[in-house]
Amino acid sequence: NQQFLDKNKTCSLHMATYVVEYYTMLLDAYDRGEIDAMYQIESTSLCEVAQMSGLLDEKSTVYKPNLEVVKQKCKEEKSSGGDGMIKKSKNVINKGRVKIENLEKGLEEKMKELYEKLG
């Protein structure tokens, strides 16, 4: 896309534009039924992701030897009381280092709208 080749834009502006365009395309494809499922990594267990991707289904798993391995891991996860969730921690690595400034007209609104849709 030609808008990504503008040498007058900052790196953060290029990235902000890319993120908005990329996730907008994904959400549009989801709305059209071209993507079967979406999930938030912060609130979805590893076994739920495995289920959605067909790894726990004999008919859809790609590599059959992994079927029993994945099923066993998910069974162990449930029996141990674990939820397989990614533990959230506050990102402090980029604190004060990455800023998005001087957004083009409308880009900030698009970003806010996108974050609302993604939850």
N, C-alpha and C. Protein backbone atom coordinates (compact mmCIF):
# COMPACT_ATOMS: atom_id res chain seq x y z
N ASN A 1 0.84 -1.17 0.00
CA ASN A 1 0.00 0.00 0.00
C ASN A 1 0.89 1.24 0.00
N GLN A 2 0.58 2.17 -0.85
CA GLN A 2 1.42 3.35 -1.05
C GLN A 2 1.55 4.20 0.22
N GLN A 3 0.53 4.24 1.09
CA GLN A 3 0.60 5.09 2.28
C GLN A 3 1.71 4.66 3.23
N PHE A 4 2.17 3.42 3.14
CA PHE A 4 3.24 2.96 4.02
C PHE A 4 4.62 3.35 3.51
N LEU A 5 4.70 3.94 2.33
CA LEU A 5 5.99 4.29 1.75
C LEU A 5 6.34 5.75 1.93
N ASP A 6 5.54 6.49 2.65
CA ASP A 6 5.77 7.92 2.86
C ASP A 6 6.96 8.13 3.78
N LYS A 7 8.06 8.65 3.24
CA LYS A 7 9.28 8.85 4.03
C LYS A 7 9.17 10.00 5.03
N ASN A 8 8.09 10.79 4.91
CA ASN A 8 7.89 11.90 5.85
C ASN A 8 7.21 11.47 7.14
N LYS A 9 6.71 10.25 7.19
CA LYS A 9 6.04 9.75 8.40
C LYS A 9 7.07 9.18 9.36
N THR A 10 6.78 9.30 10.64
CA THR A 10 7.65 8.71 11.66
C THR A 10 7.40 7.21 11.72
N CYS A 11 8.32 6.50 12.34
CA CYS A 11 8.18 5.06 12.51
C CYS A 11 6.91 4.73 13.30
N SER A 12 6.66 5.47 14.38
CA SER A 12 5.47 5.18 15.20
C SER A 12 4.19 5.45 14.43
N LEU A 13 4.19 6.44 13.56
CA LEU A 13 3.02 6.71 12.74
C LEU A 13 2.79 5.60 11.73
N HIS A 14 3.87 5.09 11.14
CA HIS A 14 3.76 3.94 10.24
C HIS A 14 3.17 2.74 10.98
N MET A 15 3.67 2.48 12.18
CA MET A 15 3.20 1.33 12.95
C MET A 15 1.74 1.51 13.35
N ALA A 16 1.35 2.68 13.79
CA ALA A 16 -0.03 2.93 14.19
C ALA A 16 -0.96 2.69 13.00
N THR A 17 -0.58 3.19 11.85
CA THR A 17 -1.38 3.00 10.63
C THR A 17 -1.47 1.52 10.28
N TYR A 18 -0.35 0.82 10.37
CA TYR A 18 -0.33 -0.61 10.06
C TYR A 18 -1.25 -1.39 11.00
N VAL A 19 -1.14 -1.14 12.29
CA VAL A 19 -1.95 -1.86 13.28
C VAL A 19 -3.44 -1.62 13.02
N VAL A 20 -3.82 -0.38 12.81
CA VAL A 20 -5.22 -0.06 12.55
C VAL A 20 -5.71 -0.77 11.29
N GLU A 21 -4.94 -0.68 10.21
CA GLU A 21 -5.35 -1.31 8.95
C GLU A 21 -5.42 -2.83 9.08
N TYR A 22 -4.43 -3.43 9.72
CA TYR A 22 -4.36 -4.89 9.86
C TYR A 22 -5.55 -5.43 10.66
N TYR A 23 -5.77 -4.86 11.83
CA TYR A 23 -6.85 -5.37 12.67
C TYR A 23 -8.23 -5.02 12.11
N THR A 24 -8.34 -3.92 11.41
CA THR A 24 -9.60 -3.58 10.76
C THR A 24 -9.92 -4.62 9.68
N MET A 25 -8.91 -5.03 8.91
CA MET A 25 -9.11 -6.07 7.90
C MET A 25 -9.51 -7.39 8.54
N LEU A 26 -8.86 -7.76 9.65
CA LEU A 26 -9.22 -9.00 10.34
C LEU A 26 -10.65 -8.97 10.85
N LEU A 27 -11.05 -7.87 11.47
CA LEU A 27 -12.41 -7.76 12.00
C LEU A 27 -13.44 -7.77 10.87
N ASP A 28 -13.14 -7.14 9.76
CA ASP A 28 -14.04 -7.16 8.61
C ASP A 28 -14.18 -8.59 8.07
N ALA A 29 -13.08 -9.31 7.98
CA ALA A 29 -13.11 -10.70 7.51
C ALA A 29 -13.91 -11.57 8.48
N TYR A 30 -13.76 -11.33 9.76
CA TYR A 30 -14.54 -12.06 10.77
C TYR A 30 -16.03 -11.78 10.60
N ASP A 31 -16.39 -10.51 10.39
CA ASP A 31 -17.79 -10.14 10.19
C ASP A 31 -18.38 -10.79 8.93
N ARG A 32 -17.55 -11.00 7.91
CA ARG A 32 -18.01 -11.64 6.67
C ARG A 32 -18.04 -13.17 6.80
N GLY A 33 -17.58 -13.71 7.94
CA GLY A 33 -17.57 -15.16 8.14
C GLY A 33 -16.36 -15.85 7.54
N GLU A 34 -15.33 -15.09 7.18
CA GLU A 34 -14.13 -15.68 6.59
C GLU A 34 -13.14 -16.15 7.65
N ILE A 35 -13.34 -15.74 8.89
CA ILE A 35 -12.54 -16.20 10.03
C ILE A 35 -13.51 -16.85 10.99
N ASP A 36 -13.23 -18.09 11.39
CA ASP A 36 -14.16 -18.85 12.23
C ASP A 36 -14.26 -18.35 13.66
N ALA A 37 -13.14 -17.97 14.24
CA ALA A 37 -13.17 -17.58 15.65
C ALA A 37 -12.04 -16.60 15.94
N MET A 38 -12.28 -15.79 16.94
CA MET A 38 -11.26 -14.88 17.45
C MET A 38 -11.30 -14.99 18.97
N TYR A 39 -10.21 -14.69 19.61
CA TYR A 39 -10.16 -14.75 21.07
C TYR A 39 -9.18 -13.75 21.61
N GLN A 40 -9.39 -13.37 22.87
CA GLN A 40 -8.44 -12.51 23.57
C GLN A 40 -7.47 -13.42 24.32
N ILE A 41 -6.21 -13.26 24.05
CA ILE A 41 -5.22 -14.13 24.67
C ILE A 41 -5.23 -14.00 26.19
N GLU A 42 -5.63 -12.82 26.69
CA GLU A 42 -5.62 -12.61 28.14
C GLU A 42 -6.73 -13.38 28.85
N SER A 43 -7.78 -13.78 28.12
CA SER A 43 -8.91 -14.43 28.79
C SER A 43 -9.25 -15.79 28.20
N THR A 44 -8.33 -16.39 27.46
CA THR A 44 -8.58 -17.68 26.83
C THR A 44 -7.48 -18.65 27.23
N SER A 45 -7.88 -19.83 27.71
CA SER A 45 -6.88 -20.81 28.15
C SER A 45 -6.21 -21.45 26.94
N LEU A 46 -5.07 -22.05 27.17
CA LEU A 46 -4.34 -22.73 26.11
C LEU A 46 -5.17 -23.86 25.51
N CYS A 47 -5.92 -24.56 26.35
CA CYS A 47 -6.74 -25.66 25.85
C CYS A 47 -7.95 -25.16 25.06
N GLU A 48 -8.46 -23.99 25.40
CA GLU A 48 -9.53 -23.40 24.60
C GLU A 48 -9.01 -23.04 23.21
N VAL A 49 -7.80 -22.54 23.14
CA VAL A 49 -7.18 -22.23 21.84
C VAL A 49 -6.98 -23.53 21.06
N ALA A 50 -6.50 -24.57 21.74
CA ALA A 50 -6.30 -25.87 21.08
C ALA A 50 -7.62 -26.40 20.54
N GLN A 51 -8.68 -26.24 21.31
CA GLN A 51 -10.01 -26.68 20.88
C GLN A 51 -10.46 -25.92 19.64
N MET A 52 -10.33 -24.59 19.67
CA MET A 52 -10.74 -23.77 18.53
C MET A 52 -9.95 -24.09 17.27
N SER A 53 -8.70 -24.47 17.44
CA SER A 53 -7.84 -24.72 16.28
C SER A 53 -7.95 -26.16 15.76
N GLY A 54 -8.77 -26.97 16.43
CA GLY A 54 -8.98 -28.34 15.96
C GLY A 54 -7.97 -29.35 16.47
N LEU A 55 -7.13 -28.95 17.40
CA LEU A 55 -6.11 -29.87 17.90
C LEU A 55 -6.67 -30.96 18.82
N LEU A 56 -7.91 -30.80 19.27
CA LEU A 56 -8.53 -31.80 20.15
C LEU A 56 -9.58 -32.63 19.41
N ASP A 57 -9.62 -32.51 18.10
CA ASP A 57 -10.61 -33.20 17.28
C ASP A 57 -9.90 -34.11 16.28
N GLU A 58 -10.21 -35.39 16.32
CA GLU A 58 -9.55 -36.36 15.45
C GLU A 58 -9.78 -36.04 13.97
N LYS A 59 -10.92 -35.45 13.65
CA LYS A 59 -11.25 -35.16 12.25
C LYS A 59 -10.48 -33.97 11.69
N SER A 60 -10.07 -33.07 12.56
CA SER A 60 -9.44 -31.85 12.05
C SER A 60 -7.97 -31.67 12.42
N THR A 61 -7.47 -32.48 13.34
CA THR A 61 -6.07 -32.31 13.72
C THR A 61 -5.17 -32.66 12.54
N VAL A 62 -4.13 -31.90 12.35
CA VAL A 62 -3.25 -32.08 11.20
C VAL A 62 -2.25 -33.22 11.45
N TYR A 63 -1.67 -33.26 12.64
CA TYR A 63 -0.64 -34.25 12.95
C TYR A 63 -1.20 -35.18 14.03
N LYS A 64 -1.69 -36.34 13.60
CA LYS A 64 -2.44 -37.26 14.47
C LYS A 64 -1.69 -37.64 15.76
N PRO A 65 -0.36 -37.89 15.73
CA PRO A 65 0.31 -38.26 16.98
C PRO A 65 0.18 -37.21 18.10
N ASN A 66 -0.02 -35.96 17.71
CA ASN A 66 -0.16 -34.91 18.73
C ASN A 66 -1.53 -34.89 19.39
N LEU A 67 -2.52 -35.53 18.77
CA LEU A 67 -3.89 -35.49 19.29
C LEU A 67 -3.94 -35.97 20.74
N GLU A 68 -3.40 -37.13 21.00
CA GLU A 68 -3.43 -37.68 22.37
C GLU A 68 -2.55 -36.88 23.32
N VAL A 69 -1.44 -36.38 22.82
CA VAL A 69 -0.55 -35.56 23.66
C VAL A 69 -1.27 -34.31 24.13
N VAL A 70 -1.93 -33.62 23.20
CA VAL A 70 -2.64 -32.38 23.54
C VAL A 70 -3.82 -32.69 24.45
N LYS A 71 -4.57 -33.74 24.15
CA LYS A 71 -5.70 -34.12 25.01
C LYS A 71 -5.22 -34.40 26.43
N GLN A 72 -4.12 -35.12 26.56
CA GLN A 72 -3.58 -35.46 27.88
C GLN A 72 -3.14 -34.20 28.64
N LYS A 73 -2.47 -33.29 27.94
CA LYS A 73 -2.04 -32.04 28.58
C LYS A 73 -3.24 -31.24 29.08
N CYS A 74 -4.29 -31.18 28.29
CA CYS A 74 -5.48 -30.43 28.71
C CYS A 74 -6.18 -31.13 29.87
N LYS A 75 -6.17 -32.45 29.86
CA LYS A 75 -6.76 -33.21 30.97
C LYS A 75 -5.96 -32.95 32.25
N GLU A 76 -4.64 -32.95 32.15
CA GLU A 76 -3.77 -32.68 33.30
C GLU A 76 -4.00 -31.25 33.81
N GLU A 77 -4.16 -30.32 32.89
CA GLU A 77 -4.38 -28.93 33.25
C GLU A 77 -5.65 -28.79 34.08
N LYS A 78 -6.71 -29.44 33.65
CA LYS A 78 -7.99 -29.38 34.37
C LYS A 78 -7.89 -30.08 35.72
N SER A 79 -7.24 -31.23 35.76
CA SER A 79 -7.17 -31.99 37.02
C SER A 79 -6.26 -31.32 38.04
N SER A 80 -5.31 -30.50 37.56
CA SER A 80 -4.40 -29.83 38.50
C SER A 80 -4.99 -28.51 38.99
N GLY A 81 -6.15 -28.14 38.44
CA GLY A 81 -6.77 -26.89 38.86
C GLY A 81 -6.24 -25.68 38.11
N GLY A 82 -5.34 -25.91 37.18
CA GLY A 82 -4.80 -24.79 36.40
C GLY A 82 -5.78 -24.40 35.31
N ASP A 83 -5.70 -23.16 34.92
CA ASP A 83 -6.59 -22.72 33.86
C ASP A 83 -5.85 -22.49 32.55
N GLY A 84 -4.53 -22.66 32.56
CA GLY A 84 -3.75 -22.49 31.34
C GLY A 84 -3.73 -21.07 30.81
N MET A 85 -4.04 -20.13 31.66
CA MET A 85 -4.10 -18.75 31.22
C MET A 85 -2.71 -18.13 31.22
N ILE A 86 -2.51 -17.24 30.27
CA ILE A 86 -1.28 -16.46 30.25
C ILE A 86 -1.38 -15.46 31.40
N LYS A 87 -0.41 -15.44 32.25
CA LYS A 87 -0.42 -14.53 33.39
C LYS A 87 -0.06 -13.13 32.92
N LYS A 88 -0.92 -12.18 33.24
CA LYS A 88 -0.69 -10.80 32.83
C LYS A 88 0.29 -10.11 33.77
N SER A 89 1.12 -9.32 33.20
CA SER A 89 1.98 -8.48 34.02
C SER A 89 2.08 -7.13 33.31
N LYS A 90 2.34 -6.13 34.07
CA LYS A 90 2.41 -4.79 33.51
C LYS A 90 3.69 -4.63 32.71
N ASN A 91 3.55 -4.11 31.50
CA ASN A 91 4.70 -3.86 30.64
C ASN A 91 5.41 -2.61 31.12
N VAL A 92 6.62 -2.78 31.59
CA VAL A 92 7.40 -1.63 32.02
C VAL A 92 8.64 -1.43 31.16
N ILE A 93 8.87 -2.33 30.22
CA ILE A 93 10.07 -2.26 29.38
C ILE A 93 10.04 -1.02 28.50
N ASN A 94 8.89 -0.72 27.91
CA ASN A 94 8.80 0.41 26.97
C ASN A 94 8.36 1.70 27.63
N LYS A 95 8.21 1.70 28.93
CA LYS A 95 7.70 2.88 29.62
C LYS A 95 8.57 4.10 29.30
N GLY A 96 7.92 5.10 28.74
CA GLY A 96 8.62 6.34 28.41
C GLY A 96 9.46 6.29 27.15
N ARG A 97 9.52 5.15 26.49
CA ARG A 97 10.37 5.02 25.31
C ARG A 97 9.58 5.08 24.01
N VAL A 98 8.35 4.57 24.05
CA VAL A 98 7.55 4.52 22.83
C VAL A 98 6.36 5.45 23.00
N LYS A 99 6.24 6.39 22.09
CA LYS A 99 5.13 7.33 22.13
C LYS A 99 4.57 7.47 20.72
N ILE A 100 3.27 7.61 20.65
CA ILE A 100 2.65 7.90 19.37
C ILE A 100 2.21 9.34 19.43
N GLU A 101 2.86 10.15 18.65
CA GLU A 101 2.59 11.58 18.65
C GLU A 101 2.24 12.04 17.25
N ASN A 102 1.56 13.16 17.18
CA ASN A 102 1.26 13.80 15.90
C ASN A 102 0.58 12.85 14.92
N LEU A 103 -0.48 12.20 15.39
CA LEU A 103 -1.20 11.30 14.52
C LEU A 103 -1.91 12.08 13.42
N GLU A 104 -2.02 11.44 12.27
CA GLU A 104 -2.74 12.07 11.17
C GLU A 104 -4.21 12.23 11.55
N LYS A 105 -4.84 13.14 10.91
CA LYS A 105 -6.25 13.40 11.18
C LYS A 105 -7.06 12.11 11.00
N GLY A 106 -7.82 11.77 12.00
CA GLY A 106 -8.68 10.59 11.95
C GLY A 106 -8.04 9.31 12.45
N LEU A 107 -6.71 9.24 12.50
CA LEU A 107 -6.06 8.00 12.91
C LEU A 107 -6.30 7.71 14.39
N GLU A 108 -6.24 8.73 15.23
CA GLU A 108 -6.49 8.52 16.66
C GLU A 108 -7.91 7.99 16.88
N GLU A 109 -8.89 8.53 16.17
CA GLU A 109 -10.27 8.07 16.30
C GLU A 109 -10.40 6.62 15.84
N LYS A 110 -9.72 6.29 14.74
CA LYS A 110 -9.74 4.91 14.24
C LYS A 110 -9.13 3.96 15.26
N MET A 111 -8.04 4.41 15.93
CA MET A 111 -7.40 3.57 16.94
C MET A 111 -8.34 3.34 18.12
N LYS A 112 -9.00 4.38 18.58
CA LYS A 112 -9.93 4.25 19.70
C LYS A 112 -11.09 3.33 19.34
N GLU A 113 -11.61 3.49 18.14
CA GLU A 113 -12.71 2.64 17.67
C GLU A 113 -12.28 1.18 17.60
N LEU A 114 -11.07 0.95 17.10
CA LEU A 114 -10.54 -0.40 17.01
C LEU A 114 -10.38 -1.03 18.39
N TYR A 115 -9.83 -0.29 19.33
CA TYR A 115 -9.63 -0.82 20.68
C TYR A 115 -10.95 -1.12 21.37
N GLU A 116 -11.98 -0.32 21.06
CA GLU A 116 -13.33 -0.61 21.58
C GLU A 116 -13.83 -1.94 21.05
N LYS A 117 -13.65 -2.17 19.76
CA LYS A 117 -14.12 -3.42 19.12
C LYS A 117 -13.37 -4.63 19.67
N LEU A 118 -12.08 -4.46 19.91
CA LEU A 118 -11.26 -5.58 20.38
C LEU A 118 -11.44 -5.84 21.87
N GLY A 119 -11.98 -4.90 22.56
CA GLY A 119 -12.19 -5.08 24.01
C GLY A 119 -10.96 -4.84 24.76
